[in-house]
Amino acid sequence: MLNASYTKGNDQFGYSIFGSVKVAKFADIYARFDDLHSNKDWNIAKDERAAVWVWSFSALRHSLR
């Protein structure tokens, strides 16, 4: 747990998950998920979850080989 802003009792916890997959010689998929929470809901307005998905495509890099 992390003591937020050095205030006693204001603890936060969370985790992140990251992964990537090569789907073709010229394409990858990246994903990340974040989850942040405060204990006893003292900071509930800023407790959040976020997910990001990215498709990376590079036609030029592989067409020159």
Protein backbone atom coordinates (compact mmCIF):
# COMPACT_ATOMS: atom_id res chain seq x y z
CA MET A 1 0.00 0.00 0.00
CA LEU A 2 1.09 3.56 -0.64
CA ASN A 3 0.53 6.32 1.87
CA ALA A 4 -0.82 9.10 -0.37
CA SER A 5 0.42 12.65 0.26
CA TYR A 6 2.07 11.46 3.48
CA THR A 7 -1.30 11.55 5.27
CA LYS A 8 -1.94 8.82 7.82
CA GLY A 9 -4.82 6.56 6.75
CA ASN A 10 -4.84 7.76 3.14
CA ASP A 11 -3.65 4.53 1.58
CA GLN A 12 -3.94 3.66 -2.09
CA PHE A 13 -3.36 0.43 -3.93
CA GLY A 14 -3.54 -0.71 -7.51
CA TYR A 15 -2.08 -2.79 -10.27
CA SER A 16 -1.22 -2.64 -13.96
CA ILE A 17 -1.27 -5.43 -16.52
CA PHE A 18 0.56 -5.11 -19.83
CA GLY A 19 0.79 -7.49 -22.76
CA SER A 20 1.61 -7.65 -26.42
CA VAL A 21 0.99 -10.11 -29.23
CA LYS A 22 2.54 -10.30 -32.70
CA VAL A 23 -0.40 -11.03 -35.00
CA ALA A 24 1.52 -10.90 -38.27
CA LYS A 25 5.02 -10.22 -39.60
CA PHE A 26 4.13 -6.52 -39.81
CA ALA A 27 1.55 -6.06 -37.03
CA ASP A 28 1.39 -6.15 -33.22
CA ILE A 29 -1.33 -5.58 -30.63
CA TYR A 30 -0.48 -3.97 -27.28
CA ALA A 31 -2.81 -3.74 -24.30
CA ARG A 32 -2.60 -2.22 -20.81
CA PHE A 33 -5.07 -2.18 -17.92
CA ASP A 34 -4.65 -0.04 -14.76
CA ASP A 35 -6.71 -0.20 -11.58
CA LEU A 36 -6.25 2.28 -8.68
CA HIS A 37 -8.27 2.35 -5.45
CA SER A 38 -8.13 4.12 -2.10
CA ASN A 39 -8.91 2.45 1.20
CA LYS A 40 -12.20 3.39 2.90
CA ASP A 41 -13.16 5.47 -0.18
CA TRP A 42 -11.43 8.64 1.07
CA ASN A 43 -10.44 9.49 -2.51
CA ILE A 44 -13.29 7.86 -4.43
CA ALA A 45 -13.48 10.71 -6.97
CA LYS A 46 -10.00 9.78 -8.24
CA ASP A 47 -10.29 5.98 -7.95
CA GLU A 48 -10.26 4.74 -11.51
CA ARG A 49 -9.70 2.03 -14.06
CA ALA A 50 -8.24 2.54 -17.49
CA ALA A 51 -7.68 0.28 -20.50
CA VAL A 52 -5.67 1.01 -23.62
CA TRP A 53 -5.49 -1.09 -26.80
CA VAL A 54 -3.05 -0.28 -29.62
CA TRP A 55 -2.72 -1.86 -33.06
CA SER A 56 0.77 -1.29 -34.47
CA PHE A 57 1.15 -1.70 -38.23
CA SER A 58 4.36 -1.20 -40.23
CA ALA A 59 4.02 -1.81 -43.96
CA LEU A 60 7.14 0.08 -45.00
CA ARG A 61 9.59 -1.63 -42.65
CA HIS A 62 8.84 -5.12 -44.04
CA SER A 63 8.28 -4.19 -47.67
CA LEU A 64 11.92 -3.09 -48.05
CA ARG A 65 13.39 -6.51 -47.16
